[in-house]
């Protein structure tokens, strides 16, 4: 999966405000192909496990609370150098600092309610994708 695949999550703020379709369309226009997707509501345990890497950070509890506040939409995306390409496409964490035309500039409400998660490395992309999807659920390019 490394290299051409990454994981993203349309977060509850964007999903609940009807922006999931617009974000998905924006990513497809940027050349990403959706290889797996689902809508789900994370449990406390799932959010805690997924964001365990941040457990010692001061924002961990509020992040977990936010991610369990409503439905979200994890997706596996495919594109050459997918992790780096997605990080560019979504923009800075704070939408006020994000470049024009990025997902966060267009759709995020604030630094905390920033519409979308993106894996930060190939290793994390593979781990995070396996958290939400089995190998058989991810459509591979032929």
N, C-alpha and C. Protein backbone atom coordinates (compact mmCIF):
# COMPACT_ATOMS: atom_id res chain seq x y z
N UNK A 1 0.81 -1.19 0.00
CA UNK A 1 0.00 0.00 0.00
C UNK A 1 0.86 1.26 0.00
N UNK A 2 2.07 1.19 0.48
CA UNK A 2 2.93 2.37 0.61
C UNK A 2 3.10 3.08 -0.71
N UNK A 3 3.19 4.39 -0.62
CA UNK A 3 3.48 5.20 -1.79
C UNK A 3 2.26 5.75 -2.49
N UNK A 4 1.42 4.86 -2.98
CA UNK A 4 0.30 5.30 -3.80
C UNK A 4 -1.04 5.33 -3.06
N UNK A 5 -1.05 5.01 -1.79
CA UNK A 5 -2.28 4.95 -1.01
C UNK A 5 -2.13 5.74 0.28
N UNK A 6 -3.23 6.34 0.71
CA UNK A 6 -3.25 7.04 1.99
C UNK A 6 -4.65 6.96 2.58
N UNK A 7 -4.75 7.34 3.84
CA UNK A 7 -6.05 7.37 4.51
C UNK A 7 -6.43 8.81 4.80
N UNK A 8 -7.69 9.10 4.63
CA UNK A 8 -8.25 10.38 5.04
C UNK A 8 -9.54 10.10 5.79
N UNK A 9 -9.94 11.03 6.62
CA UNK A 9 -11.23 10.94 7.31
C UNK A 9 -11.91 12.30 7.18
N UNK A 10 -13.09 12.31 6.62
CA UNK A 10 -13.91 13.51 6.68
C UNK A 10 -14.51 13.52 8.08
N UNK A 11 -14.16 14.54 8.83
CA UNK A 11 -14.48 14.59 10.26
C UNK A 11 -15.94 14.99 10.50
N UNK A 12 -16.41 14.77 11.74
CA UNK A 12 -17.83 15.05 12.04
C UNK A 12 -18.30 16.46 11.71
N UNK A 13 -17.47 17.47 11.88
CA UNK A 13 -17.90 18.84 11.58
C UNK A 13 -18.27 18.98 10.11
N UNK A 14 -17.44 18.47 9.23
CA UNK A 14 -17.69 18.56 7.79
C UNK A 14 -18.81 17.62 7.37
N UNK A 15 -18.85 16.45 7.94
CA UNK A 15 -19.90 15.49 7.58
C UNK A 15 -21.27 16.02 7.98
N UNK A 16 -21.38 16.51 9.21
CA UNK A 16 -22.67 16.99 9.71
C UNK A 16 -23.15 18.25 9.02
N UNK A 17 -22.25 19.03 8.46
CA UNK A 17 -22.65 20.27 7.79
C UNK A 17 -22.85 20.08 6.29
N UNK A 18 -22.88 18.82 5.84
CA UNK A 18 -23.17 18.54 4.44
C UNK A 18 -22.04 18.79 3.47
N UNK A 19 -20.80 18.75 3.96
CA UNK A 19 -19.65 19.05 3.10
C UNK A 19 -18.93 17.79 2.60
N UNK A 20 -19.36 16.61 3.02
CA UNK A 20 -18.65 15.38 2.65
C UNK A 20 -18.59 15.19 1.14
N UNK A 21 -19.69 15.40 0.46
CA UNK A 21 -19.71 15.24 -0.99
C UNK A 21 -18.83 16.25 -1.70
N UNK A 22 -18.86 17.49 -1.22
CA UNK A 22 -18.03 18.54 -1.82
C UNK A 22 -16.54 18.24 -1.61
N UNK A 23 -16.20 17.76 -0.42
CA UNK A 23 -14.79 17.42 -0.14
C UNK A 23 -14.36 16.24 -1.00
N UNK A 24 -15.19 15.22 -1.09
CA UNK A 24 -14.88 14.06 -1.92
C UNK A 24 -14.70 14.47 -3.37
N UNK A 25 -15.61 15.29 -3.89
CA UNK A 25 -15.50 15.76 -5.27
C UNK A 25 -14.22 16.57 -5.47
N UNK A 26 -13.89 17.41 -4.50
CA UNK A 26 -12.66 18.21 -4.58
C UNK A 26 -11.44 17.30 -4.66
N UNK A 27 -11.39 16.27 -3.84
CA UNK A 27 -10.26 15.35 -3.86
C UNK A 27 -10.19 14.59 -5.18
N UNK A 28 -11.32 14.18 -5.70
CA UNK A 28 -11.32 13.50 -7.00
C UNK A 28 -10.84 14.45 -8.10
N UNK A 29 -11.22 15.71 -8.03
CA UNK A 29 -10.74 16.69 -9.01
C UNK A 29 -9.23 16.90 -8.91
N UNK A 30 -8.68 16.61 -7.72
CA UNK A 30 -7.23 16.71 -7.53
C UNK A 30 -6.50 15.44 -7.99
N UNK A 31 -7.25 14.49 -8.52
CA UNK A 31 -6.66 13.27 -9.07
C UNK A 31 -6.65 12.07 -8.14
N UNK A 32 -7.25 12.17 -6.96
CA UNK A 32 -7.33 11.03 -6.05
C UNK A 32 -8.45 10.10 -6.49
N UNK A 33 -8.19 8.79 -6.34
CA UNK A 33 -9.21 7.78 -6.60
C UNK A 33 -9.61 7.16 -5.27
N UNK A 34 -10.90 7.06 -5.03
CA UNK A 34 -11.39 6.45 -3.80
C UNK A 34 -11.32 4.94 -3.96
N UNK A 35 -10.60 4.28 -3.06
CA UNK A 35 -10.44 2.83 -3.12
C UNK A 35 -11.18 2.10 -2.01
N UNK A 36 -11.63 2.83 -0.99
CA UNK A 36 -12.49 2.28 0.06
C UNK A 36 -13.10 3.47 0.79
N UNK A 37 -14.34 3.31 1.24
CA UNK A 37 -15.01 4.39 1.98
C UNK A 37 -16.14 3.80 2.80
N UNK A 38 -16.42 4.45 3.92
CA UNK A 38 -17.58 4.08 4.73
C UNK A 38 -17.95 5.26 5.61
N UNK A 39 -19.19 5.29 6.01
CA UNK A 39 -19.66 6.25 7.00
C UNK A 39 -19.83 5.49 8.29
N UNK A 40 -19.32 6.07 9.38
CA UNK A 40 -19.41 5.40 10.67
C UNK A 40 -19.42 6.42 11.79
N UNK A 41 -19.79 5.97 12.94
CA UNK A 41 -19.75 6.80 14.15
C UNK A 41 -18.75 6.13 15.09
N UNK A 42 -17.59 6.75 15.29
CA UNK A 42 -16.56 6.17 16.15
C UNK A 42 -17.05 6.08 17.59
N UNK A 43 -16.72 4.98 18.23
CA UNK A 43 -16.97 4.85 19.66
C UNK A 43 -15.83 5.53 20.42
N UNK A 44 -16.02 5.72 21.71
CA UNK A 44 -14.94 6.28 22.54
C UNK A 44 -13.68 5.42 22.44
N UNK A 45 -13.88 4.10 22.52
CA UNK A 45 -12.74 3.18 22.47
C UNK A 45 -12.01 3.27 21.12
N UNK A 46 -12.77 3.32 20.02
CA UNK A 46 -12.16 3.40 18.70
C UNK A 46 -11.38 4.71 18.53
N UNK A 47 -11.98 5.81 18.93
CA UNK A 47 -11.28 7.11 18.82
C UNK A 47 -10.02 7.10 19.68
N UNK A 48 -10.12 6.57 20.88
CA UNK A 48 -8.96 6.50 21.77
C UNK A 48 -7.85 5.66 21.19
N UNK A 49 -8.21 4.55 20.57
CA UNK A 49 -7.20 3.68 19.96
C UNK A 49 -6.60 4.33 18.71
N UNK A 50 -7.44 4.91 17.86
CA UNK A 50 -6.94 5.50 16.63
C UNK A 50 -5.98 6.66 16.91
N UNK A 51 -6.31 7.48 17.90
CA UNK A 51 -5.48 8.65 18.22
C UNK A 51 -4.53 8.40 19.40
N UNK A 52 -4.26 7.13 19.71
CA UNK A 52 -3.39 6.78 20.84
C UNK A 52 -2.02 7.44 20.76
N UNK A 53 -1.53 7.68 19.56
CA UNK A 53 -0.23 8.33 19.38
C UNK A 53 -0.21 9.72 20.04
N UNK A 54 -1.37 10.32 20.22
CA UNK A 54 -1.48 11.65 20.83
C UNK A 54 -1.88 11.60 22.30
N UNK A 55 -1.90 10.42 22.88
CA UNK A 55 -2.42 10.24 24.24
C UNK A 55 -1.82 11.21 25.25
N UNK A 56 -0.56 11.53 25.14
CA UNK A 56 0.11 12.41 26.10
C UNK A 56 -0.02 13.89 25.75
N UNK A 57 -0.63 14.20 24.64
CA UNK A 57 -0.76 15.59 24.21
C UNK A 57 -1.97 16.24 24.90
N UNK A 58 -1.92 17.53 25.14
CA UNK A 58 -3.01 18.19 25.87
C UNK A 58 -4.35 18.19 25.12
N UNK A 59 -4.32 18.01 23.81
CA UNK A 59 -5.56 18.04 23.03
C UNK A 59 -6.20 16.67 22.82
N UNK A 60 -5.59 15.61 23.37
CA UNK A 60 -6.05 14.24 23.12
C UNK A 60 -7.53 14.05 23.50
N UNK A 61 -7.92 14.43 24.70
CA UNK A 61 -9.30 14.20 25.15
C UNK A 61 -10.29 14.97 24.29
N UNK A 62 -9.99 16.22 23.99
CA UNK A 62 -10.93 17.00 23.17
C UNK A 62 -10.99 16.46 21.75
N UNK A 63 -9.87 15.97 21.22
CA UNK A 63 -9.86 15.37 19.89
C UNK A 63 -10.75 14.13 19.87
N UNK A 64 -10.59 13.26 20.85
CA UNK A 64 -11.42 12.05 20.92
C UNK A 64 -12.90 12.41 21.07
N UNK A 65 -13.20 13.39 21.91
CA UNK A 65 -14.59 13.83 22.07
C UNK A 65 -15.16 14.35 20.76
N UNK A 66 -14.37 15.15 20.07
CA UNK A 66 -14.81 15.70 18.79
C UNK A 66 -15.06 14.58 17.77
N UNK A 67 -14.14 13.63 17.68
CA UNK A 67 -14.25 12.57 16.68
C UNK A 67 -15.39 11.60 16.97
N UNK A 68 -15.91 11.60 18.19
CA UNK A 68 -17.06 10.76 18.53
C UNK A 68 -18.36 11.56 18.56
N UNK A 69 -18.30 12.82 18.18
CA UNK A 69 -19.47 13.70 18.29
C UNK A 69 -20.50 13.50 17.16
N UNK A 70 -20.14 12.75 16.15
CA UNK A 70 -21.05 12.50 15.04
C UNK A 70 -20.41 11.59 14.03
N UNK A 71 -21.09 11.31 12.93
CA UNK A 71 -20.53 10.43 11.92
C UNK A 71 -19.28 11.03 11.27
N UNK A 72 -18.43 10.14 10.80
CA UNK A 72 -17.26 10.53 10.03
C UNK A 72 -17.17 9.60 8.83
N UNK A 73 -16.26 9.91 7.93
CA UNK A 73 -16.16 9.13 6.70
C UNK A 73 -14.70 8.82 6.37
N UNK A 74 -14.19 7.69 6.87
CA UNK A 74 -12.83 7.29 6.48
C UNK A 74 -12.81 6.79 5.03
N UNK A 75 -11.70 7.10 4.35
CA UNK A 75 -11.53 6.68 2.95
C UNK A 75 -10.06 6.34 2.70
N UNK A 76 -9.84 5.33 1.89
CA UNK A 76 -8.51 5.05 1.36
C UNK A 76 -8.48 5.68 -0.02
N UNK A 77 -7.47 6.51 -0.25
CA UNK A 77 -7.31 7.20 -1.53
C UNK A 77 -6.05 6.72 -2.23
N UNK A 78 -6.10 6.73 -3.54
CA UNK A 78 -4.95 6.34 -4.36
C UNK A 78 -4.53 7.50 -5.25
N UNK A 79 -3.25 7.73 -5.30
CA UNK A 79 -2.62 8.69 -6.20
C UNK A 79 -1.12 8.50 -6.05
N UNK A 80 -0.35 8.81 -7.06
CA UNK A 80 1.10 8.74 -6.94
C UNK A 80 1.55 9.63 -5.79
N UNK A 81 2.43 9.09 -4.93
CA UNK A 81 2.92 9.83 -3.76
C UNK A 81 1.75 10.39 -2.95
N UNK A 82 0.81 9.50 -2.64
CA UNK A 82 -0.49 9.88 -2.08
C UNK A 82 -0.41 10.66 -0.77
N UNK A 83 0.46 10.25 0.15
CA UNK A 83 0.52 10.93 1.45
C UNK A 83 0.89 12.40 1.26
N UNK A 84 1.97 12.65 0.55
CA UNK A 84 2.41 14.03 0.35
C UNK A 84 1.39 14.81 -0.47
N UNK A 85 0.83 14.19 -1.49
CA UNK A 85 -0.15 14.87 -2.34
C UNK A 85 -1.39 15.26 -1.54
N UNK A 86 -1.83 14.39 -0.65
CA UNK A 86 -3.02 14.70 0.16
C UNK A 86 -2.72 15.80 1.17
N UNK A 87 -1.54 15.77 1.76
CA UNK A 87 -1.18 16.82 2.72
C UNK A 87 -1.21 18.20 2.04
N UNK A 88 -0.75 18.26 0.81
CA UNK A 88 -0.80 19.51 0.06
C UNK A 88 -2.26 19.88 -0.25
N UNK A 89 -3.05 18.90 -0.67
CA UNK A 89 -4.44 19.14 -1.07
C UNK A 89 -5.32 19.62 0.08
N UNK A 90 -5.01 19.18 1.31
CA UNK A 90 -5.88 19.57 2.42
C UNK A 90 -5.45 20.89 3.05
N UNK A 91 -4.17 21.24 2.98
CA UNK A 91 -3.70 22.50 3.53
C UNK A 91 -3.35 22.44 5.00
N UNK A 92 -2.95 23.58 5.53
CA UNK A 92 -2.53 23.69 6.93
C UNK A 92 -3.68 23.35 7.87
N UNK A 93 -3.31 22.86 9.07
CA UNK A 93 -4.30 22.50 10.08
C UNK A 93 -5.23 23.66 10.39
N UNK A 94 -4.69 24.84 10.50
CA UNK A 94 -5.49 26.03 10.75
C UNK A 94 -5.95 26.59 9.40
N UNK A 95 -7.25 26.59 9.14
CA UNK A 95 -7.72 27.06 7.83
C UNK A 95 -7.33 28.51 7.53
N UNK A 96 -7.10 29.30 8.56
CA UNK A 96 -6.66 30.69 8.35
C UNK A 96 -5.26 30.73 7.73
N UNK A 97 -4.48 29.66 7.91
CA UNK A 97 -3.13 29.58 7.37
C UNK A 97 -3.04 28.71 6.12
N UNK A 98 -4.15 28.08 5.75
CA UNK A 98 -4.17 27.16 4.61
C UNK A 98 -4.15 27.95 3.30
N UNK A 99 -3.51 27.35 2.30
CA UNK A 99 -3.46 27.97 0.97
C UNK A 99 -4.84 27.98 0.33
N UNK A 100 -5.07 28.97 -0.52
CA UNK A 100 -6.32 29.05 -1.28
C UNK A 100 -6.52 27.77 -2.08
N UNK A 101 -7.76 27.31 -2.13
CA UNK A 101 -8.09 26.13 -2.91
C UNK A 101 -7.89 24.81 -2.20
N UNK A 102 -7.34 24.83 -0.97
CA UNK A 102 -7.17 23.58 -0.23
C UNK A 102 -8.47 23.23 0.49
N UNK A 103 -8.60 21.97 0.86
CA UNK A 103 -9.81 21.50 1.54
C UNK A 103 -10.08 22.32 2.79
N UNK A 104 -9.08 22.55 3.60
CA UNK A 104 -9.31 23.27 4.85
C UNK A 104 -9.64 24.74 4.62
N UNK A 105 -9.04 25.37 3.64
CA UNK A 105 -9.38 26.75 3.34
C UNK A 105 -10.83 26.85 2.88
N UNK A 106 -11.26 25.87 2.09
CA UNK A 106 -12.60 25.88 1.53
C UNK A 106 -13.68 25.42 2.51
N UNK A 107 -13.37 24.44 3.37
CA UNK A 107 -14.43 23.76 4.11
C UNK A 107 -14.28 23.71 5.63
N UNK A 108 -13.11 24.04 6.18
CA UNK A 108 -12.91 23.93 7.63
C UNK A 108 -13.47 25.15 8.36
N UNK A 109 -13.86 24.95 9.60
CA UNK A 109 -14.40 26.02 10.44
C UNK A 109 -13.32 26.68 11.30
N UNK A 110 -12.38 25.88 11.79
CA UNK A 110 -11.36 26.39 12.70
C UNK A 110 -10.22 25.39 12.77
N UNK A 111 -9.20 25.71 13.55
CA UNK A 111 -8.07 24.80 13.73
C UNK A 111 -8.54 23.48 14.36
N UNK A 112 -9.49 23.56 15.28
CA UNK A 112 -10.00 22.35 15.93
C UNK A 112 -11.03 21.63 15.08
N UNK A 113 -11.85 22.36 14.38
CA UNK A 113 -12.90 21.79 13.52
C UNK A 113 -12.43 21.96 12.08
N UNK A 114 -11.41 21.15 11.73
CA UNK A 114 -10.69 21.38 10.48
C UNK A 114 -11.06 20.45 9.33
N UNK A 115 -12.22 19.82 9.43
CA UNK A 115 -12.88 19.11 8.33
C UNK A 115 -12.30 17.75 7.95
N UNK A 116 -10.98 17.56 8.05
CA UNK A 116 -10.39 16.37 7.44
C UNK A 116 -9.11 15.94 8.16
N UNK A 117 -8.93 14.64 8.22
CA UNK A 117 -7.69 14.04 8.73
C UNK A 117 -6.94 13.47 7.54
N UNK A 118 -5.61 13.53 7.59
CA UNK A 118 -4.78 12.90 6.56
C UNK A 118 -3.59 12.24 7.23
N UNK A 119 -3.26 11.05 6.79
CA UNK A 119 -2.08 10.35 7.29
C UNK A 119 -0.84 11.19 7.02
N UNK A 120 0.16 11.06 7.91
CA UNK A 120 1.36 11.89 7.78
C UNK A 120 2.59 11.14 7.28
N UNK A 121 2.45 9.84 7.03
CA UNK A 121 3.57 9.06 6.50
C UNK A 121 3.01 7.80 5.85
N UNK A 122 3.82 7.17 5.01
CA UNK A 122 3.38 5.92 4.38
C UNK A 122 3.09 4.85 5.43
N UNK A 123 3.94 4.76 6.46
CA UNK A 123 3.72 3.76 7.51
C UNK A 123 2.41 4.01 8.24
N UNK A 124 2.14 5.28 8.59
CA UNK A 124 0.89 5.60 9.28
C UNK A 124 -0.30 5.41 8.35
N UNK A 125 -0.15 5.71 7.08
CA UNK A 125 -1.24 5.49 6.13
C UNK A 125 -1.64 4.02 6.10
N UNK A 126 -0.66 3.14 6.05
CA UNK A 126 -0.95 1.70 6.04
C UNK A 126 -1.60 1.26 7.35
N UNK A 127 -1.07 1.72 8.47
CA UNK A 127 -1.63 1.36 9.78
C UNK A 127 -3.05 1.90 9.92
N UNK A 128 -3.24 3.15 9.56
CA UNK A 128 -4.56 3.78 9.70
C UNK A 128 -5.59 3.16 8.76
N UNK A 129 -5.20 2.84 7.55
CA UNK A 129 -6.12 2.18 6.62
C UNK A 129 -6.57 0.84 7.16
N UNK A 130 -5.63 0.07 7.75
CA UNK A 130 -5.98 -1.23 8.34
C UNK A 130 -6.90 -1.08 9.55
N UNK A 131 -6.86 0.08 10.20
CA UNK A 131 -7.74 0.32 11.34
C UNK A 131 -9.21 0.30 10.88
N UNK A 132 -9.48 0.84 9.70
CA UNK A 132 -10.84 0.98 9.22
C UNK A 132 -11.27 -0.05 8.17
N UNK A 133 -10.31 -0.62 7.43
CA UNK A 133 -10.65 -1.48 6.30
C UNK A 133 -9.77 -2.73 6.28
N UNK A 134 -10.37 -3.85 5.89
CA UNK A 134 -9.60 -5.06 5.64
C UNK A 134 -8.98 -4.95 4.25
N UNK A 135 -7.98 -5.74 3.99
CA UNK A 135 -7.34 -5.72 2.67
C UNK A 135 -8.36 -6.00 1.57
N UNK A 136 -9.33 -6.89 1.83
CA UNK A 136 -10.31 -7.24 0.80
C UNK A 136 -11.29 -6.10 0.52
N UNK A 137 -11.37 -5.13 1.38
CA UNK A 137 -12.28 -3.99 1.18
C UNK A 137 -11.65 -2.88 0.34
N UNK A 138 -10.34 -2.92 0.18
CA UNK A 138 -9.64 -1.88 -0.56
C UNK A 138 -9.50 -2.34 -2.02
N UNK A 139 -10.08 -1.56 -2.92
CA UNK A 139 -10.03 -1.88 -4.35
C UNK A 139 -8.67 -1.48 -4.88
N UNK A 140 -7.94 -2.42 -5.41
CA UNK A 140 -6.61 -2.17 -5.96
C UNK A 140 -6.69 -1.87 -7.43
N UNK A 141 -5.88 -0.92 -7.88
CA UNK A 141 -5.82 -0.61 -9.32
C UNK A 141 -5.34 -1.83 -10.07
N UNK A 142 -5.87 -1.99 -11.25
CA UNK A 142 -5.48 -3.15 -12.06
C UNK A 142 -4.70 -2.69 -13.26
